[in-house]
Amino acid sequence: MKRYCILVLLLLKTFLCMAKSDVDIMSRLVDMGFENVRVGVEDNVVYAAFEDPVYRGTYRGFGIMLEQLSQYYLDAERFEIVVLDSKVPKVCVHASHVDSRWSLEADYEVENAMAILDNTDENGNSFGKIDVTIHPKVSIDNHRFDVLYEYAVAIAPSIETTLWRGSRITVQPVIPLIGGNLRKDNTLRYCRIGIADIEQEFMKGGRWSLKAAAGILYSNFMGANVEAGRQLTDALGLKLKVGYLGEAYVDNKGYHFVKPDRLTFLAKADYYERFSRLQVQLTAGRFVYGDYGGRMDVTRHFGDYAIGVYGVLTDGEHNAGFHFAIPMMGKRQKRNGRIRLRMPEYFNWEYSMVSNYRYANENMGREYTVRADENRSARYFQAEYIEQNLQRYLNGISR
């Protein structure tokens, strides 16, 4: 009888220690800035899900999570970690720690981990928290003959919040600071609405995605947008983007809202080649102003930096240029309270050569965006890219 009592006490102690450990690690992760955190253990495998509003890039948060979890669960055979975006699962990392080295794989198989985590408590709820991000806007244009170039500098504070799963509400005014040599009818001279929309993700995450947005979209459009996507492999994804839009712009005569009358549809392919670290994007279809054509972007990723070139062929006209996304702030931005003020993770800019005046005058090859932080580094949930850079992070190469 005494032996049975001792055995029961030992089992009870082990259970209590494990429960305390789960609570302690979740509190620790929330204190570090992670949101929507879930942690569970089954068959000596640690499962976790998190949203990362603090650490720059889409892979660094994975590294911090694995380091923290491995310190609490010393005997774990494997770690299954899922990253979320507005509470929608995006990518799962399968990792094991053997002989002081990490072995890992990233893919879109999120269903198993999320099913196990459904029965666990969530900590650090992100619903209702407001992010105010100060985006700089810089424009340089040299197509005029009476001045060397036009220039404009503005700030565009985006105010964003999530009220339910998969939603994102964004309001972004654009406030000009410099632009003295712009024509009076140039939109860049005036305070205007960059984005005022609501976006909703409908799928449960993983390989399939389906989302819609409606409102004022960037730049100078209003209407609705629907995007459907499928990740064919861990490196290749396809997406169809359909929009029904009208113009919404400001000039020296005031604001103009044109009833939606433009149908745009674009098919997109995105491939990441890990050995050269090149991202190749192909776009084809009907652009916003009715011209049909295609665009090709080739971008080289250098950790947090992304630098690339592009070419456009549409309605018999061509254009080319370059773009980049470079880090703006430190690798970690502290965010506390209900309203969080911050700078964007990356500064994003694109130069257009404008090979002839018809291309510029008829607004050929134009697209629109529905979120303020759309670029090739922020929210780049590409499994091959995350796996490669996370491995480099855990090996101490890129911290």
Protein backbone atom coordinates (compact mmCIF):
# COMPACT_ATOMS: atom_id res chain seq x y z
CA MET A 1 0.00 0.00 0.00
CA LYS A 2 2.83 2.34 0.86
CA ARG A 3 4.46 1.71 -2.51
CA TYR A 4 1.23 2.53 -4.33
CA CYS A 5 0.89 5.79 -2.40
CA ILE A 6 4.45 6.77 -3.26
CA LEU A 7 3.84 5.96 -6.93
CA VAL A 8 0.65 8.04 -7.02
CA LEU A 9 2.41 10.96 -5.34
CA LEU A 10 5.25 10.81 -7.86
CA LEU A 11 2.84 10.74 -10.78
CA LEU A 12 0.87 13.64 -9.30
CA LYS A 13 4.06 15.63 -8.78
CA THR A 14 5.13 15.00 -12.37
CA PHE A 15 1.73 16.12 -13.67
CA LEU A 16 1.76 19.29 -11.59
CA CYS A 17 5.30 20.13 -12.70
CA MET A 18 4.31 19.63 -16.33
CA ALA A 19 1.22 21.82 -15.95
CA LYS A 20 3.25 24.49 -14.21
CA SER A 21 5.83 24.32 -16.98
CA ASP A 22 3.15 24.84 -19.65
CA VAL A 23 1.83 27.89 -17.79
CA ASP A 24 5.31 29.28 -17.21
CA ILE A 25 6.42 28.93 -20.83
CA MET A 26 3.25 30.54 -22.20
CA SER A 27 3.61 33.46 -19.80
CA ARG A 28 7.23 33.81 -20.83
CA LEU A 29 6.36 33.85 -24.54
CA VAL A 30 3.58 36.42 -24.04
CA ASP A 31 5.97 38.61 -22.01
CA MET A 32 8.36 38.48 -24.96
CA GLY A 33 5.65 39.95 -27.21
CA PHE A 34 4.17 36.90 -28.94
CA GLU A 35 0.38 36.82 -29.33
CA ASN A 36 -2.28 34.10 -29.68
CA VAL A 37 0.09 31.61 -28.07
CA ARG A 38 -0.90 27.96 -27.60
CA VAL A 39 1.35 25.19 -26.27
CA GLY A 40 0.56 21.49 -25.86
CA VAL A 41 2.42 18.20 -25.38
CA GLU A 42 1.40 14.81 -26.78
CA ASP A 43 3.53 11.64 -26.98
CA ASN A 44 6.64 13.61 -26.08
CA VAL A 45 6.08 15.99 -29.00
CA VAL A 46 5.67 19.70 -28.23
CA TYR A 47 3.08 21.56 -30.30
CA ALA A 48 2.82 25.35 -30.37
CA ALA A 49 1.15 28.13 -32.35
CA PHE A 50 1.95 31.84 -32.21
CA GLU A 51 1.60 35.19 -33.93
CA ASP A 52 4.70 37.37 -34.10
CA PRO A 53 4.16 41.15 -34.07
CA VAL A 54 7.56 41.84 -32.51
CA TYR A 55 10.48 40.23 -34.36
CA ARG A 56 11.44 41.31 -37.86
CA GLY A 57 10.80 38.88 -40.71
CA THR A 58 8.78 35.67 -40.85
CA TYR A 59 11.52 33.30 -39.64
CA ARG A 60 13.11 35.02 -36.63
CA GLY A 61 10.07 34.46 -34.41
CA PHE A 62 10.29 30.71 -35.15
CA GLY A 63 13.90 30.75 -33.92
CA ILE A 64 13.03 32.49 -30.66
CA MET A 65 10.12 30.09 -30.08
CA LEU A 66 12.26 26.98 -30.64
CA GLU A 67 14.99 28.25 -28.34
CA GLN A 68 12.52 29.01 -25.57
CA LEU A 69 10.55 25.77 -25.90
CA SER A 70 13.69 23.60 -26.02
CA GLN A 71 14.83 25.11 -22.71
CA TYR A 72 11.55 24.11 -21.01
CA TYR A 73 10.99 20.72 -22.65
CA LEU A 74 14.47 19.21 -22.45
CA ASP A 75 13.32 15.66 -23.26
CA ALA A 76 11.04 16.51 -26.19
CA GLU A 77 11.59 14.36 -29.26
CA ARG A 78 10.22 16.91 -31.71
CA PHE A 79 8.71 20.38 -31.93
CA GLU A 80 5.77 21.25 -34.21
CA ILE A 81 5.44 25.05 -34.45
CA VAL A 82 2.80 26.93 -36.46
CA VAL A 83 2.93 30.66 -37.25
CA LEU A 84 -0.35 32.58 -37.51
CA ASP A 85 -1.46 35.70 -39.33
CA SER A 86 -4.68 37.24 -37.93
CA LYS A 87 -5.11 33.85 -36.21
CA VAL A 88 -4.98 31.97 -39.54
CA PRO A 89 -2.27 29.23 -39.68
CA LYS A 90 0.30 29.83 -42.41
CA VAL A 91 3.40 27.60 -42.08
CA CYS A 92 4.41 24.71 -39.83
CA VAL A 93 8.01 24.00 -38.80
CA HIS A 94 8.91 20.44 -37.75
CA ALA A 95 12.13 20.55 -35.72
CA SER A 96 14.24 18.26 -33.54
CA HIS A 97 17.28 19.02 -31.41
CA VAL A 98 19.94 16.28 -31.62
CA ASP A 99 23.53 16.54 -30.39
CA SER A 100 23.27 20.32 -29.94
CA ARG A 101 22.20 20.78 -33.58
CA TRP A 102 18.82 21.56 -35.06
CA SER A 103 17.24 19.53 -37.83
CA LEU A 104 14.11 21.06 -39.32
CA GLU A 105 11.64 21.18 -42.18
CA ALA A 106 9.00 23.77 -43.04
CA ASP A 107 5.78 23.10 -44.96
CA TYR A 108 2.09 23.98 -45.09
CA GLU A 109 0.79 20.91 -43.23
CA VAL A 110 -0.75 22.80 -40.31
CA GLU A 111 -3.91 20.73 -39.73
CA ASN A 112 -2.51 18.10 -37.35
CA ALA A 113 -0.80 20.58 -35.04
CA MET A 114 -3.82 22.90 -34.92
CA ALA A 115 -6.19 19.98 -34.18
CA ILE A 116 -4.10 19.03 -31.15
CA LEU A 117 -3.88 22.67 -30.00
CA ASP A 118 -7.65 23.17 -30.22
CA ASN A 119 -8.00 21.82 -26.69
CA THR A 120 -5.33 24.10 -25.18
CA ASP A 121 -5.68 27.56 -23.68
CA GLU A 122 -4.76 30.62 -25.71
CA ASN A 123 -2.67 33.42 -24.21
CA GLY A 124 -1.98 36.95 -25.42
CA ASN A 125 -5.14 37.49 -27.48
CA SER A 126 -4.55 39.99 -30.29
CA PHE A 127 -8.22 40.89 -30.90
CA GLY A 128 -8.94 44.59 -30.56
CA LYS A 129 -5.32 45.74 -30.29
CA ILE A 130 -4.54 48.68 -32.56
CA ASP A 131 -1.24 48.99 -34.43
CA VAL A 132 -0.23 52.44 -35.65
CA THR A 133 2.65 52.06 -38.11
CA ILE A 134 4.36 55.15 -39.59
CA HIS A 135 5.12 54.34 -43.23
CA PRO A 136 7.33 56.76 -45.22
CA LYS A 137 6.38 57.41 -48.86
CA VAL A 138 9.01 58.70 -51.31
CA SER A 139 8.37 59.48 -54.99
CA ILE A 140 10.91 60.64 -57.62
CA ASP A 141 9.74 61.16 -61.20
CA ASN A 142 11.85 62.46 -64.12
CA HIS A 143 9.42 62.28 -67.06
CA ARG A 144 8.88 66.07 -67.35
CA PHE A 145 10.95 68.37 -69.57
CA ASP A 146 10.52 71.62 -67.62
CA VAL A 147 12.13 70.31 -64.40
CA LEU A 148 14.93 67.83 -63.77
CA TYR A 149 12.59 65.68 -61.68
CA GLU A 150 9.49 65.80 -59.54
CA TYR A 151 9.81 64.76 -55.93
CA ALA A 152 7.43 64.07 -53.08
CA VAL A 153 7.85 62.83 -49.52
CA ALA A 154 4.92 61.87 -47.30
CA ILE A 155 4.13 59.92 -44.18
CA ALA A 156 1.32 57.39 -44.18
CA PRO A 157 0.36 56.15 -40.70
CA SER A 158 -1.57 52.91 -41.04
CA ILE A 159 -4.06 52.11 -38.27
CA GLU A 160 -4.79 48.38 -38.23
CA THR A 161 -6.71 46.02 -36.00
CA THR A 162 -8.15 42.49 -35.96
CA LEU A 163 -11.60 42.01 -34.43
CA TRP A 164 -12.26 38.37 -35.33
CA ARG A 165 -10.41 35.45 -36.87
CA GLY A 166 -8.99 36.17 -40.31
CA SER A 167 -9.99 39.84 -40.38
CA ARG A 168 -7.86 42.93 -40.86
CA ILE A 169 -9.27 46.47 -40.76
CA THR A 170 -6.93 49.14 -42.13
CA VAL A 171 -7.16 52.92 -42.34
CA GLN A 172 -4.14 54.74 -43.79
CA PRO A 173 -4.16 58.47 -44.53
CA VAL A 174 -1.28 59.87 -46.60
CA ILE A 175 0.07 63.22 -45.38
CA PRO A 176 2.45 65.07 -47.77
CA LEU A 177 5.55 66.72 -46.33
CA ILE A 178 7.59 67.79 -49.37
CA GLY A 179 6.51 68.24 -53.01
CA GLY A 180 6.86 71.85 -54.06
CA ASN A 181 7.50 71.25 -57.77
CA LEU A 182 4.54 68.94 -58.41
CA ARG A 183 1.78 70.06 -60.77
CA LYS A 184 -1.37 71.35 -59.09
CA ASP A 185 -3.43 68.41 -60.31
CA ASN A 186 -0.93 65.84 -58.99
CA THR A 187 -2.46 63.60 -56.32
CA LEU A 188 0.83 63.52 -54.40
CA ARG A 189 0.41 67.21 -53.41
CA TYR A 190 -2.65 66.58 -51.22
CA CYS A 191 -3.72 64.79 -48.08
CA ARG A 192 -5.60 61.71 -49.18
CA ILE A 193 -6.80 58.27 -48.16
CA GLY A 194 -4.28 55.61 -49.06
CA ILE A 195 -6.20 52.61 -47.70
CA ALA A 196 -9.51 52.30 -45.87
CA ASP A 197 -10.67 48.73 -46.18
CA ILE A 198 -11.57 45.51 -44.47
CA GLU A 199 -9.98 42.20 -45.46
CA GLN A 200 -11.25 38.74 -44.52
CA GLU A 201 -9.54 35.35 -44.82
CA PHE A 202 -12.06 32.51 -45.24
CA MET A 203 -9.93 29.35 -45.27
CA LYS A 204 -8.45 27.52 -42.27
CA GLY A 205 -4.90 28.08 -43.49
CA GLY A 206 -2.26 25.80 -44.91
CA ARG A 207 -1.96 25.17 -48.64
CA TRP A 208 -5.24 26.84 -49.66
CA SER A 209 -6.13 30.49 -49.19
CA LEU A 210 -9.21 32.53 -50.02
CA LYS A 211 -9.67 36.13 -48.96
CA ALA A 212 -11.66 39.19 -49.95
CA ALA A 213 -11.26 42.92 -49.32
CA ALA A 214 -13.47 45.93 -49.90
CA GLY A 215 -13.01 49.68 -49.49
CA ILE A 216 -10.43 52.20 -50.69
CA LEU A 217 -7.34 50.41 -51.97
CA TYR A 218 -3.81 51.67 -52.64
CA SER A 219 -3.37 53.66 -54.67
CA ASN A 220 -6.33 55.75 -55.82
CA PHE A 221 -8.94 53.00 -56.20
CA MET A 222 -12.10 51.89 -54.45
CA GLY A 223 -14.00 48.64 -54.84
CA ALA A 224 -13.61 44.96 -54.03
CA ASN A 225 -10.84 42.40 -54.39
CA VAL A 226 -10.88 38.59 -54.16
CA GLU A 227 -7.78 36.40 -54.03
CA ALA A 228 -7.62 32.60 -54.17
CA GLY A 229 -4.32 30.75 -53.81
CA ARG A 230 -2.85 27.27 -53.67
CA GLN A 231 0.66 26.19 -52.64
CA LEU A 232 1.51 23.43 -55.10
CA THR A 233 4.83 22.61 -53.40
CA ASP A 234 6.84 24.07 -50.53
CA ALA A 235 8.52 26.37 -53.09
CA LEU A 236 5.81 27.09 -55.70
CA GLY A 237 2.50 28.85 -55.22
CA LEU A 238 -0.27 30.01 -57.56
CA LYS A 239 -2.79 32.80 -56.99
CA LEU A 240 -5.72 34.34 -58.86
CA LYS A 241 -6.54 37.97 -58.09
CA VAL A 242 -9.81 39.54 -59.27
CA GLY A 243 -10.88 43.12 -58.62
CA TYR A 244 -13.85 45.32 -59.49
CA LEU A 245 -12.73 48.92 -59.06
CA GLY A 246 -13.38 52.57 -59.62
CA GLU A 247 -11.01 55.49 -59.17
CA ALA A 248 -10.82 57.44 -55.90
CA TYR A 249 -8.38 60.31 -56.17
CA VAL A 250 -7.81 63.91 -55.09
CA ASP A 251 -6.56 66.86 -57.10
CA ASN A 252 -6.77 70.68 -56.97
CA LYS A 253 -10.55 70.41 -57.47
CA GLY A 254 -11.13 68.08 -54.54
CA TYR A 255 -11.86 64.39 -54.04
CA HIS A 256 -13.31 62.29 -56.85
CA PHE A 257 -15.06 58.97 -56.40
CA VAL A 258 -15.84 57.09 -59.60
CA LYS A 259 -18.41 54.30 -59.54
CA PRO A 260 -16.63 50.92 -59.85
CA ASP A 261 -16.48 50.02 -63.56
CA ARG A 262 -13.12 48.29 -64.03
CA LEU A 263 -12.71 44.54 -63.93
CA THR A 264 -9.15 43.35 -63.38
CA PHE A 265 -7.95 39.76 -63.14
CA LEU A 266 -4.39 38.56 -62.74
CA ALA A 267 -2.91 35.07 -62.43
CA LYS A 268 0.30 34.91 -60.41
CA ALA A 269 2.99 32.29 -59.88
CA ASP A 270 5.59 32.63 -57.12
CA TYR A 271 8.65 30.36 -56.93
CA TYR A 272 11.50 30.48 -54.40
CA GLU A 273 14.77 28.78 -55.39
CA ARG A 274 16.69 28.14 -52.18
CA PHE A 275 20.19 27.53 -53.61
CA SER A 276 20.40 30.88 -55.39
CA ARG A 277 17.92 32.48 -52.93
CA LEU A 278 16.00 33.91 -55.88
CA GLN A 279 12.28 34.60 -55.84
CA VAL A 280 10.73 34.51 -59.33
CA GLN A 281 7.24 35.94 -59.82
CA LEU A 282 5.19 35.80 -63.03
CA THR A 283 1.99 37.85 -63.44
CA ALA A 284 -0.35 37.76 -66.43
CA GLY A 285 -3.83 39.05 -67.16
CA ARG A 286 -5.80 42.29 -67.30
CA PHE A 287 -4.32 45.19 -65.34
CA VAL A 288 -6.34 47.91 -63.63
CA TYR A 289 -6.69 50.28 -66.60
CA GLY A 290 -7.78 47.56 -69.04
CA ASP A 291 -4.47 46.67 -70.70
CA TYR A 292 -3.56 43.00 -71.13
CA GLY A 293 -0.04 41.74 -70.56
CA GLY A 294 2.45 40.21 -68.21
CA ARG A 295 5.16 41.04 -65.73
CA MET A 296 8.19 39.15 -64.46
CA ASP A 297 10.01 39.95 -61.19
CA VAL A 298 13.31 38.38 -60.13
CA THR A 299 14.27 39.17 -56.53
CA ARG A 300 17.40 38.17 -54.61
CA HIS A 301 16.92 37.66 -50.88
CA PHE A 302 19.82 38.49 -48.56
CA GLY A 303 18.35 37.55 -45.18
CA ASP A 304 16.28 40.61 -44.27
CA TYR A 305 17.08 42.39 -47.54
CA ALA A 306 15.28 41.86 -50.86
CA ILE A 307 16.55 43.50 -54.07
CA GLY A 308 15.18 42.75 -57.52
CA VAL A 309 14.43 43.80 -61.10
CA TYR A 310 11.29 43.49 -63.20
CA GLY A 311 10.04 43.78 -66.77
CA VAL A 312 6.54 44.45 -68.12
CA LEU A 313 5.05 43.78 -71.56
CA THR A 314 1.48 44.98 -71.99
CA ASP A 315 -0.58 45.92 -75.08
CA GLY A 316 2.62 45.96 -77.14
CA GLU A 317 4.40 48.41 -74.81
CA HIS A 318 7.21 47.56 -72.43
CA ASN A 319 8.70 48.87 -69.24
CA ALA A 320 11.28 47.80 -66.67
CA GLY A 321 12.77 48.86 -63.34
CA PHE A 322 14.00 47.69 -59.97
CA HIS A 323 12.68 47.43 -56.43
CA PHE A 324 13.93 46.71 -52.94
CA ALA A 325 12.77 46.10 -49.38
CA ILE A 326 15.32 46.98 -46.71
CA PRO A 327 15.06 46.82 -42.88
CA MET A 328 14.10 50.07 -41.18
CA MET A 329 14.32 49.36 -37.46
CA GLY A 330 15.97 46.87 -35.13
CA LYS A 331 15.27 43.15 -35.19
CA ARG A 332 12.83 43.56 -32.30
CA GLN A 333 10.25 46.27 -31.70
CA LYS A 334 8.59 46.29 -28.31
CA ARG A 335 4.81 46.60 -28.47
CA ASN A 336 2.76 47.00 -25.29
CA GLY A 337 -0.77 48.16 -24.52
CA ARG A 338 -3.91 48.39 -26.58
CA ILE A 339 -2.50 51.00 -28.98
CA ARG A 340 1.01 50.26 -30.23
CA LEU A 341 3.04 52.86 -32.14
CA ARG A 342 5.84 51.54 -34.34
CA MET A 343 7.85 51.95 -37.52
CA PRO A 344 7.47 49.44 -40.37
CA GLU A 345 9.81 46.46 -40.44
CA TYR A 346 10.91 47.31 -43.99
CA PHE A 347 11.10 50.29 -46.32
CA ASN A 348 9.74 49.28 -49.70
CA TRP A 349 10.45 51.23 -52.94
CA GLU A 350 10.12 50.61 -56.68
CA TYR A 351 11.67 52.51 -59.60
CA SER A 352 9.88 52.49 -62.97
CA MET A 353 11.91 53.29 -66.09
CA VAL A 354 8.78 54.28 -68.13
CA SER A 355 10.23 53.38 -71.53
CA ASN A 356 7.81 55.58 -73.48
CA TYR A 357 5.19 58.20 -72.81
CA ARG A 358 2.21 56.06 -73.85
CA TYR A 359 3.01 53.61 -71.05
CA ALA A 360 2.94 56.47 -68.51
CA ASN A 361 -0.03 58.38 -69.98
CA GLU A 362 -2.31 55.36 -70.22
CA ASN A 363 -1.30 54.01 -66.82
CA MET A 364 -0.28 50.61 -68.18
CA GLY A 365 0.81 47.68 -66.07
CA ARG A 366 -0.76 49.09 -62.89
CA GLU A 367 -1.86 47.05 -59.86
CA TYR A 368 -3.24 47.85 -56.41
CA THR A 369 -2.68 46.66 -52.85
CA VAL A 370 -5.07 46.03 -49.96
CA ARG A 371 -2.60 46.11 -47.04
CA ALA A 372 -0.12 48.73 -45.98
CA ASP A 373 2.80 46.32 -45.44
CA GLU A 374 2.73 44.38 -48.71
CA ASN A 375 6.27 43.73 -49.95
CA ARG A 376 8.66 40.85 -50.56
CA SER A 377 9.94 40.59 -46.99
CA ALA A 378 7.13 41.46 -44.56
CA ARG A 379 4.53 38.67 -44.26
CA TYR A 380 6.46 36.49 -46.73
CA PHE A 381 5.14 33.14 -45.50
CA GLN A 382 7.02 30.98 -47.99
CA ALA A 383 8.00 27.60 -46.53
CA GLU A 384 11.33 27.17 -48.39
CA TYR A 385 12.37 30.73 -47.51
CA ILE A 386 11.46 30.26 -43.83
CA GLU A 387 13.19 26.87 -43.59
CA GLN A 388 16.41 28.16 -45.14
CA ASN A 389 16.67 31.34 -43.07
CA LEU A 390 15.53 29.65 -39.86
CA GLN A 391 18.27 27.04 -40.25
CA ARG A 392 20.82 29.82 -40.75
CA TYR A 393 19.46 31.58 -37.65
CA LEU A 394 19.68 28.47 -35.47
CA ASN A 395 23.20 27.82 -36.77
CA GLY A 396 24.19 31.32 -35.67
CA ILE A 397 24.83 32.58 -39.23
CA SER A 398 22.10 35.25 -39.44
CA ARG A 399 20.86 36.60 -36.14
